[in-house]
């Protein structure tokens, strides 16, 4: 199954990895330095990861004949922009 759904898993891994990385970074900055507003660097990195996630999800949809996992990967990748801009 992993070989068959490789692109979908890659797209989901990008999305979840960036959620974890940016989420832990913002928690660290808030707890240690009490920073409540972040510069454009985080949102730029988040935006690029959204593009990468949606692009790999699109490749997955094409190669995997629009499997449900690839469609979920595209939707989660597209909706993750809300997390990066908060």
PDB file of N, CA and C in Angstrom:
ATOM      1  N   UNK A   1       0.817  -1.193   0.000  1.00  0.00           N
ATOM      2  CA  UNK A   1       0.000   0.000   0.000  1.00  0.00           C
ATOM      3  C   UNK A   1       0.861   1.256   0.000  1.00  0.00           C
ATOM      4  N   UNK A   2       1.978   1.231   0.705  1.00  0.00           N
ATOM      5  CA  UNK A   2       2.814   2.423   0.785  1.00  0.00           C
ATOM      6  C   UNK A   2       3.371   2.775  -0.594  1.00  0.00           C
ATOM      7  N   UNK A   3       3.797   1.793  -1.347  1.00  0.00           N
ATOM      8  CA  UNK A   3       4.306   2.088  -2.690  1.00  0.00           C
ATOM      9  C   UNK A   3       3.213   2.637  -3.593  1.00  0.00           C
ATOM     10  N   UNK A   4       2.017   2.126  -3.436  1.00  0.00           N
ATOM     11  CA  UNK A   4       0.904   2.553  -4.281  1.00  0.00           C
ATOM     12  C   UNK A   4       0.453   3.966  -3.924  1.00  0.00           C
ATOM     13  N   UNK A   5       0.542   4.343  -2.658  1.00  0.00           N
ATOM     14  CA  UNK A   5       0.086   5.653  -2.187  1.00  0.00           C
ATOM     15  C   UNK A   5       1.259   6.568  -1.815  1.00  0.00           C
ATOM     16  N   UNK A   6       2.417   6.378  -2.432  1.00  0.00           N
ATOM     17  CA  UNK A   6       3.631   7.098  -2.045  1.00  0.00           C
ATOM     18  C   UNK A   6       3.469   8.620  -2.111  1.00  0.00           C
ATOM     19  N   UNK A   7       2.897   9.146  -3.175  1.00  0.00           N
ATOM     20  CA  UNK A   7       2.765  10.589  -3.327  1.00  0.00           C
ATOM     21  C   UNK A   7       1.785  11.176  -2.312  1.00  0.00           C
ATOM     22  N   UNK A   8       0.726  10.466  -2.025  1.00  0.00           N
ATOM     23  CA  UNK A   8      -0.228  10.942  -1.022  1.00  0.00           C
ATOM     24  C   UNK A   8       0.413  10.987   0.354  1.00  0.00           C
ATOM     25  N   UNK A   9       1.170   9.952   0.677  1.00  0.00           N
ATOM     26  CA  UNK A   9       1.844   9.910   1.977  1.00  0.00           C
ATOM     27  C   UNK A   9       2.880  11.023   2.068  1.00  0.00           C
ATOM     28  N   UNK A  10       3.581  11.292   0.980  1.00  0.00           N
ATOM     29  CA  UNK A  10       4.549  12.389   0.963  1.00  0.00           C
ATOM     30  C   UNK A  10       3.856  13.731   1.195  1.00  0.00           C
ATOM     31  N   UNK A  11       2.732  13.939   0.551  1.00  0.00           N
ATOM     32  CA  UNK A  11       1.985  15.182   0.738  1.00  0.00           C
ATOM     33  C   UNK A  11       1.515  15.336   2.188  1.00  0.00           C
ATOM     34  N   UNK A  12       0.979  14.271   2.752  1.00  0.00           N
ATOM     35  CA  UNK A  12       0.548  14.315   4.147  1.00  0.00           C
ATOM     36  C   UNK A  12       1.725  14.515   5.094  1.00  0.00           C
ATOM     37  N   UNK A  13       2.871  13.915   4.777  1.00  0.00           N
ATOM     38  CA  UNK A  13       4.061  14.078   5.614  1.00  0.00           C
ATOM     39  C   UNK A  13       4.552  15.524   5.608  1.00  0.00           C
ATOM     40  N   UNK A  14       4.506  16.172   4.457  1.00  0.00           N
ATOM     41  CA  UNK A  14       4.896  17.581   4.377  1.00  0.00           C
ATOM     42  C   UNK A  14       3.967  18.429   5.235  1.00  0.00           C
ATOM     43  N   UNK A  15       2.674  18.205   5.113  1.00  0.00           N
ATOM     44  CA  UNK A  15       1.693  18.982   5.876  1.00  0.00           C
ATOM     45  C   UNK A  15       1.854  18.766   7.374  1.00  0.00           C
ATOM     46  N   UNK A  16       1.905  17.524   7.800  1.00  0.00           N
ATOM     47  CA  UNK A  16       2.004  17.227   9.231  1.00  0.00           C
ATOM     48  C   UNK A  16       3.355  17.653   9.783  1.00  0.00           C
ATOM     49  N   UNK A  17       4.414  17.465   9.010  1.00  0.00           N
ATOM     50  CA  UNK A  17       5.740  17.891   9.459  1.00  0.00           C
ATOM     51  C   UNK A  17       5.825  19.391   9.683  1.00  0.00           C
ATOM     52  N   UNK A  18       5.235  20.160   8.770  1.00  0.00           N
ATOM     53  CA  UNK A  18       5.270  21.611   8.943  1.00  0.00           C
ATOM     54  C   UNK A  18       4.352  22.058  10.069  1.00  0.00           C
ATOM     55  N   UNK A  19       3.223  21.377  10.264  1.00  0.00           N
ATOM     56  CA  UNK A  19       2.371  21.690  11.419  1.00  0.00           C
ATOM     57  C   UNK A  19       3.172  21.513  12.704  1.00  0.00           C
ATOM     58  N   UNK A  20       3.879  20.392  12.809  1.00  0.00           N
ATOM     59  CA  UNK A  20       4.645  20.107  14.020  1.00  0.00           C
ATOM     60  C   UNK A  20       5.793  21.090  14.200  1.00  0.00           C
ATOM     61  N   UNK A  21       6.517  21.365  13.126  1.00  0.00           N
ATOM     62  CA  UNK A  21       7.678  22.251  13.224  1.00  0.00           C
ATOM     63  C   UNK A  21       7.273  23.686  13.566  1.00  0.00           C
ATOM     64  N   UNK A  22       6.320  24.229  12.848  1.00  0.00           N
ATOM     65  CA  UNK A  22       5.911  25.610  13.101  1.00  0.00           C
ATOM     66  C   UNK A  22       5.149  25.715  14.414  1.00  0.00           C
ATOM     67  N   UNK A  23       4.351  24.722  14.738  1.00  0.00           N
ATOM     68  CA  UNK A  23       3.638  24.740  16.017  1.00  0.00           C
ATOM     69  C   UNK A  23       4.580  24.712  17.208  1.00  0.00           C
ATOM     70  N   UNK A  24       5.590  23.871  17.151  1.00  0.00           N
ATOM     71  CA  UNK A  24       6.539  23.809  18.267  1.00  0.00           C
ATOM     72  C   UNK A  24       7.387  25.079  18.334  1.00  0.00           C
ATOM     73  N   UNK A  25       7.725  25.653  17.182  1.00  0.00           N
ATOM     74  CA  UNK A  25       8.486  26.902  17.168  1.00  0.00           C
ATOM     75  C   UNK A  25       7.691  28.049  17.794  1.00  0.00           C
ATOM     76  N   UNK A  26       6.421  28.163  17.432  1.00  0.00           N
ATOM     77  CA  UNK A  26       5.622  29.253  17.985  1.00  0.00           C
ATOM     78  C   UNK A  26       5.375  29.054  19.479  1.00  0.00           C
ATOM     79  N   UNK A  27       5.192  27.813  19.919  1.00  0.00           N
ATOM     80  CA  UNK A  27       5.027  27.571  21.355  1.00  0.00           C
ATOM     81  C   UNK A  27       6.301  27.908  22.111  1.00  0.00           C
ATOM     82  N   UNK A  28       7.437  27.553  21.543  1.00  0.00           N
ATOM     83  CA  UNK A  28       8.708  27.878  22.179  1.00  0.00           C
ATOM     84  C   UNK A  28       8.889  29.393  22.285  1.00  0.00           C
ATOM     85  N   UNK A  29       8.636  30.113  21.200  1.00  0.00           N
ATOM     86  CA  UNK A  29       8.801  31.556  21.227  1.00  0.00           C
ATOM     87  C   UNK A  29       7.855  32.211  22.234  1.00  0.00           C
ATOM     88  N   UNK A  30       6.639  31.713  22.320  1.00  0.00           N
ATOM     89  CA  UNK A  30       5.675  32.293  23.241  1.00  0.00           C
ATOM     90  C   UNK A  30       6.045  31.988  24.689  1.00  0.00           C
ATOM     91  N   UNK A  31       6.404  30.754  24.971  1.00  0.00           N
ATOM     92  CA  UNK A  31       6.689  30.368  26.361  1.00  0.00           C
ATOM     93  C   UNK A  31       8.008  30.932  26.868  1.00  0.00           C
ATOM     94  N   UNK A  32       9.034  30.940  26.064  1.00  0.00           N
ATOM     95  CA  UNK A  32      10.344  31.385  26.508  1.00  0.00           C
ATOM     96  C   UNK A  32      10.505  32.892  26.363  1.00  0.00           C
ATOM     97  N   UNK A  33      10.155  33.434  25.226  1.00  0.00           N
ATOM     98  CA  UNK A  33      10.391  34.850  24.942  1.00  0.00           C
ATOM     99  C   UNK A  33       9.129  35.697  24.988  1.00  0.00           C
ATOM    100  N   UNK A  34       7.978  35.090  25.180  1.00  0.00           N
ATOM    101  CA  UNK A  34       6.686  35.780  25.238  1.00  0.00           C
ATOM    102  C   UNK A  34       6.414  36.613  23.991  1.00  0.00           C
ATOM    103  N   UNK A  35       6.813  36.075  22.860  1.00  0.00           N
ATOM    104  CA  UNK A  35       6.572  36.725  21.577  1.00  0.00           C
ATOM    105  C   UNK A  35       5.173  36.344  21.116  1.00  0.00           C
ATOM    106  N   UNK A  36       4.366  37.331  20.779  1.00  0.00           N
ATOM    107  CA  UNK A  36       3.007  37.042  20.325  1.00  0.00           C
ATOM    108  C   UNK A  36       2.803  37.340  18.844  1.00  0.00           C
ATOM    109  N   UNK A  37       3.687  38.116  18.234  1.00  0.00           N
ATOM    110  CA  UNK A  37       3.571  38.365  16.797  1.00  0.00           C
ATOM    111  C   UNK A  37       4.867  37.912  16.132  1.00  0.00           C
ATOM    112  N   UNK A  38       4.729  37.259  15.004  1.00  0.00           N
ATOM    113  CA  UNK A  38       5.881  36.681  14.331  1.00  0.00           C
ATOM    114  C   UNK A  38       6.120  37.388  13.015  1.00  0.00           C
ATOM    115  N   UNK A  39       7.366  37.351  12.582  1.00  0.00           N
ATOM    116  CA  UNK A  39       7.727  38.016  11.333  1.00  0.00           C
ATOM    117  C   UNK A  39       7.263  37.196  10.133  1.00  0.00           C
ATOM    118  N   UNK A  40       7.526  37.723   8.965  1.00  0.00           N
ATOM    119  CA  UNK A  40       7.089  37.081   7.738  1.00  0.00           C
ATOM    120  C   UNK A  40       7.830  35.803   7.405  1.00  0.00           C
ATOM    121  N   UNK A  41       8.913  35.500   8.091  1.00  0.00           N
ATOM    122  CA  UNK A  41       9.680  34.297   7.789  1.00  0.00           C
ATOM    123  C   UNK A  41       8.883  33.029   7.985  1.00  0.00           C
ATOM    124  N   UNK A  42       8.119  32.968   9.059  1.00  0.00           N
ATOM    125  CA  UNK A  42       7.320  31.776   9.340  1.00  0.00           C
ATOM    126  C   UNK A  42       6.197  31.637   8.327  1.00  0.00           C
ATOM    127  N   UNK A  43       5.520  32.718   8.028  1.00  0.00           N
ATOM    128  CA  UNK A  43       4.410  32.613   7.078  1.00  0.00           C
ATOM    129  C   UNK A  43       4.927  32.306   5.673  1.00  0.00           C
ATOM    130  N   UNK A  44       6.119  32.793   5.324  1.00  0.00           N
ATOM    131  CA  UNK A  44       6.704  32.466   4.027  1.00  0.00           C
ATOM    132  C   UNK A  44       7.024  30.982   3.954  1.00  0.00           C
ATOM    133  N   UNK A  45       7.644  30.458   4.997  1.00  0.00           N
ATOM    134  CA  UNK A  45       7.962  29.033   5.036  1.00  0.00           C
ATOM    135  C   UNK A  45       6.688  28.192   5.017  1.00  0.00           C
ATOM    136  N   UNK A  46       5.681  28.627   5.753  1.00  0.00           N
ATOM    137  CA  UNK A  46       4.396  27.923   5.750  1.00  0.00           C
ATOM    138  C   UNK A  46       3.730  27.960   4.389  1.00  0.00           C
ATOM    139  N   UNK A  47       3.793  29.110   3.728  1.00  0.00           N
ATOM    140  CA  UNK A  47       3.211  29.229   2.395  1.00  0.00           C
ATOM    141  C   UNK A  47       3.902  28.341   1.377  1.00  0.00           C
ATOM    142  N   UNK A  48       5.224  28.260   1.466  1.00  0.00           N
ATOM    143  CA  UNK A  48       5.953  27.382   0.558  1.00  0.00           C
ATOM    144  C   UNK A  48       5.634  25.916   0.825  1.00  0.00           C
ATOM    145  N   UNK A  49       5.444  25.571   2.099  1.00  0.00           N
ATOM    146  CA  UNK A  49       5.094  24.182   2.398  1.00  0.00           C
ATOM    147  C   UNK A  49       3.685  23.853   1.911  1.00  0.00           C
ATOM    148  N   UNK A  50       2.797  24.835   1.929  1.00  0.00           N
ATOM    149  CA  UNK A  50       1.448  24.614   1.383  1.00  0.00           C
ATOM    150  C   UNK A  50       1.535  24.345  -0.107  1.00  0.00           C
ATOM    151  N   UNK A  51       2.335  25.123  -0.819  1.00  0.00           N
ATOM    152  CA  UNK A  51       2.507  24.893  -2.256  1.00  0.00           C
ATOM    153  C   UNK A  51       3.087  23.505  -2.520  1.00  0.00           C
ATOM    154  N   UNK A  52       4.096  23.121  -1.729  1.00  0.00           N
ATOM    155  CA  UNK A  52       4.708  21.802  -1.908  1.00  0.00           C
ATOM    156  C   UNK A  52       3.709  20.693  -1.605  1.00  0.00           C
ATOM    157  N   UNK A  53       2.927  20.865  -0.554  1.00  0.00           N
ATOM    158  CA  UNK A  53       1.959  19.842  -0.163  1.00  0.00           C
ATOM    159  C   UNK A  53       0.849  19.693  -1.199  1.00  0.00           C
ATOM    160  N   UNK A  54       0.318  20.807  -1.663  1.00  0.00           N
ATOM    161  CA  UNK A  54      -0.757  20.751  -2.659  1.00  0.00           C
ATOM    162  C   UNK A  54      -0.218  20.234  -3.998  1.00  0.00           C
ATOM    163  N   UNK A  55       1.006  20.612  -4.347  1.00  0.00           N
ATOM    164  CA  UNK A  55       1.588  20.118  -5.601  1.00  0.00           C
ATOM    165  C   UNK A  55       1.799  18.603  -5.552  1.00  0.00           C
ATOM    166  N   UNK A  56       2.338  18.096  -4.457  1.00  0.00           N
ATOM    167  CA  UNK A  56       2.514  16.650  -4.353  1.00  0.00           C
ATOM    168  C   UNK A  56       1.162  15.944  -4.257  1.00  0.00           C
ATOM    169  N   UNK A  57       0.184  16.588  -3.646  1.00  0.00           N
ATOM    170  CA  UNK A  57      -1.170  16.025  -3.636  1.00  0.00           C
ATOM    171  C   UNK A  57      -1.759  15.966  -5.032  1.00  0.00           C
ATOM    172  N   UNK A  58      -1.490  16.981  -5.847  1.00  0.00           N
ATOM    173  CA  UNK A  58      -1.949  16.975  -7.236  1.00  0.00           C
ATOM    174  C   UNK A  58      -1.287  15.870  -8.049  1.00  0.00           C
ATOM    175  N   UNK A  59       0.006  15.682  -7.820  1.00  0.00           N
ATOM    176  CA  UNK A  59       0.706  14.584  -8.485  1.00  0.00           C
ATOM    177  C   UNK A  59       0.118  13.256  -8.039  1.00  0.00           C
ATOM    178  N   UNK A  60      -0.181  13.161  -6.739  1.00  0.00           N
ATOM    179  CA  UNK A  60      -0.778  11.926  -6.209  1.00  0.00           C
ATOM    180  C   UNK A  60      -2.135  11.664  -6.844  1.00  0.00           C
ATOM    181  N   UNK A  61      -2.939  12.694  -6.982  1.00  0.00           N
ATOM    182  CA  UNK A  61      -4.264  12.513  -7.579  1.00  0.00           C
ATOM    183  C   UNK A  61      -4.151  12.024  -9.016  1.00  0.00           C
ATOM    184  N   UNK A  62      -3.165  12.532  -9.736  1.00  0.00           N
ATOM    185  CA  UNK A  62      -2.993  12.109 -11.125  1.00  0.00           C
ATOM    186  C   UNK A  62      -2.458  10.683 -11.210  1.00  0.00           C
ATOM    187  N   UNK A  63      -1.433  10.378 -10.418  1.00  0.00           N
ATOM    188  CA  UNK A  63      -0.806   9.052 -10.505  1.00  0.00           C
ATOM    189  C   UNK A  63      -1.634   7.958  -9.846  1.00  0.00           C
ATOM    190  N   UNK A  64      -2.418   8.329  -8.840  1.00  0.00           N
ATOM    191  CA  UNK A  64      -3.185   7.327  -8.095  1.00  0.00           C
ATOM    192  C   UNK A  64      -4.665   7.323  -8.489  1.00  0.00           C
ATOM    193  N   UNK A  65      -4.976   7.916  -9.609  1.00  0.00           N
ATOM    194  CA  UNK A  65      -6.346   7.963 -10.132  1.00  0.00           C
ATOM    195  C   UNK A  65      -7.341   8.552  -9.142  1.00  0.00           C
ATOM    196  N   UNK A  66      -6.986   9.672  -8.567  1.00  0.00           N
ATOM    197  CA  UNK A  66      -7.841  10.428  -7.637  1.00  0.00           C
ATOM    198  C   UNK A  66      -8.362   9.552  -6.497  1.00  0.00           C
ATOM    199  N   UNK A  67      -7.429   8.891  -5.817  1.00  0.00           N
ATOM    200  CA  UNK A  67      -7.809   8.069  -4.670  1.00  0.00           C
ATOM    201  C   UNK A  67      -8.261   8.972  -3.518  1.00  0.00           C
ATOM    202  N   UNK A  68      -9.050   8.437  -2.607  1.00  0.00           N
ATOM    203  CA  UNK A  68      -9.516   9.254  -1.476  1.00  0.00           C
ATOM    204  C   UNK A  68      -8.372   9.827  -0.638  1.00  0.00           C
ATOM    205  N   UNK A  69      -7.292   9.072  -0.508  1.00  0.00           N
ATOM    206  CA  UNK A  69      -6.157   9.564   0.275  1.00  0.00           C
ATOM    207  C   UNK A  69      -5.527  10.775  -0.407  1.00  0.00           C
ATOM    208  N   UNK A  70      -5.411  10.757  -1.716  1.00  0.00           N
ATOM    209  CA  UNK A  70      -4.819  11.904  -2.413  1.00  0.00           C
ATOM    210  C   UNK A  70      -5.718  13.129  -2.312  1.00  0.00           C
ATOM    211  N   UNK A  71      -7.019  12.931  -2.358  1.00  0.00           N
ATOM    212  CA  UNK A  71      -7.936  14.072  -2.210  1.00  0.00           C
ATOM    213  C   UNK A  71      -7.888  14.644  -0.800  1.00  0.00           C
ATOM    214  N   UNK A  72      -7.773  13.780   0.197  1.00  0.00           N
ATOM    215  CA  UNK A  72      -7.625  14.244   1.583  1.00  0.00           C
ATOM    216  C   UNK A  72      -6.318  15.007   1.739  1.00  0.00           C
ATOM    217  N   UNK A  73      -5.252  14.528   1.098  1.00  0.00           N
ATOM    218  CA  UNK A  73      -3.960  15.208   1.171  1.00  0.00           C
ATOM    219  C   UNK A  73      -4.041  16.604   0.564  1.00  0.00           C
ATOM    220  N   UNK A  74      -4.756  16.749  -0.544  1.00  0.00           N
ATOM    221  CA  UNK A  74      -4.906  18.070  -1.170  1.00  0.00           C
ATOM    222  C   UNK A  74      -5.708  19.002  -0.268  1.00  0.00           C
ATOM    223  N   UNK A  75      -6.796  18.514   0.284  1.00  0.00           N
ATOM    224  CA  UNK A  75      -7.649  19.351   1.141  1.00  0.00           C
ATOM    225  C   UNK A  75      -6.897  19.778   2.399  1.00  0.00           C
ATOM    226  N   UNK A  76      -6.220  18.843   3.062  1.00  0.00           N
ATOM    227  CA  UNK A  76      -5.465  19.212   4.261  1.00  0.00           C
ATOM    228  C   UNK A  76      -4.329  20.167   3.944  1.00  0.00           C
ATOM    229  N   UNK A  77      -3.673  19.959   2.818  1.00  0.00           N
ATOM    230  CA  UNK A  77      -2.605  20.868   2.411  1.00  0.00           C
ATOM    231  C   UNK A  77      -3.124  22.270   2.144  1.00  0.00           C
ATOM    232  N   UNK A  78      -4.277  22.361   1.495  1.00  0.00           N
ATOM    233  CA  UNK A  78      -4.852  23.675   1.189  1.00  0.00           C
ATOM    234  C   UNK A  78      -5.380  24.363   2.447  1.00  0.00           C
ATOM    235  N   UNK A  79      -5.975  23.608   3.343  1.00  0.00           N
ATOM    236  CA  UNK A  79      -6.515  24.212   4.561  1.00  0.00           C
ATOM    237  C   UNK A  79      -5.435  24.553   5.585  1.00  0.00           C
ATOM    238  N   UNK A  80      -4.261  23.991   5.428  1.00  0.00           N
ATOM    239  CA  UNK A  80      -3.201  24.258   6.399  1.00  0.00           C
ATOM    240  C   UNK A  80      -2.700  25.695   6.334  1.00  0.00           C
ATOM    241  N   UNK A  81      -3.021  26.431   5.293  1.00  0.00           N
ATOM    242  CA  UNK A  81      -2.612  27.834   5.215  1.00  0.00           C
ATOM    243  C   UNK A  81      -3.210  28.637   6.369  1.00  0.00           C
ATOM    244  N   UNK A  82      -4.349  28.219   6.863  1.00  0.00           N
ATOM    245  CA  UNK A  82      -4.968  28.918   8.003  1.00  0.00           C
ATOM    246  C   UNK A  82      -4.092  28.781   9.249  1.00  0.00           C
ATOM    247  N   UNK A  83      -3.431  27.652   9.391  1.00  0.00           N
ATOM    248  CA  UNK A  83      -2.557  27.449  10.554  1.00  0.00           C
ATOM    249  C   UNK A  83      -1.325  28.331  10.456  1.00  0.00           C
ATOM    250  N   UNK A  84      -0.767  28.503   9.272  1.00  0.00           N
ATOM    251  CA  UNK A  84       0.485  29.238   9.134  1.00  0.00           C
ATOM    252  C   UNK A  84       0.291  30.752   9.196  1.00  0.00           C
ATOM    253  N   UNK A  85      -0.899  31.238   8.930  1.00  0.00           N
ATOM    254  CA  UNK A  85      -1.098  32.685   8.933  1.00  0.00           C
ATOM    255  C   UNK A  85      -1.646  33.219  10.247  1.00  0.00           C
ATOM    256  N   UNK A  86      -1.929  32.331  11.193  1.00  0.00           N
ATOM    257  CA  UNK A  86      -2.459  32.771  12.498  1.00  0.00           C
ATOM    258  C   UNK A  86      -1.355  33.376  13.321  1.00  0.00           C
TER     259      UNK A  86
END
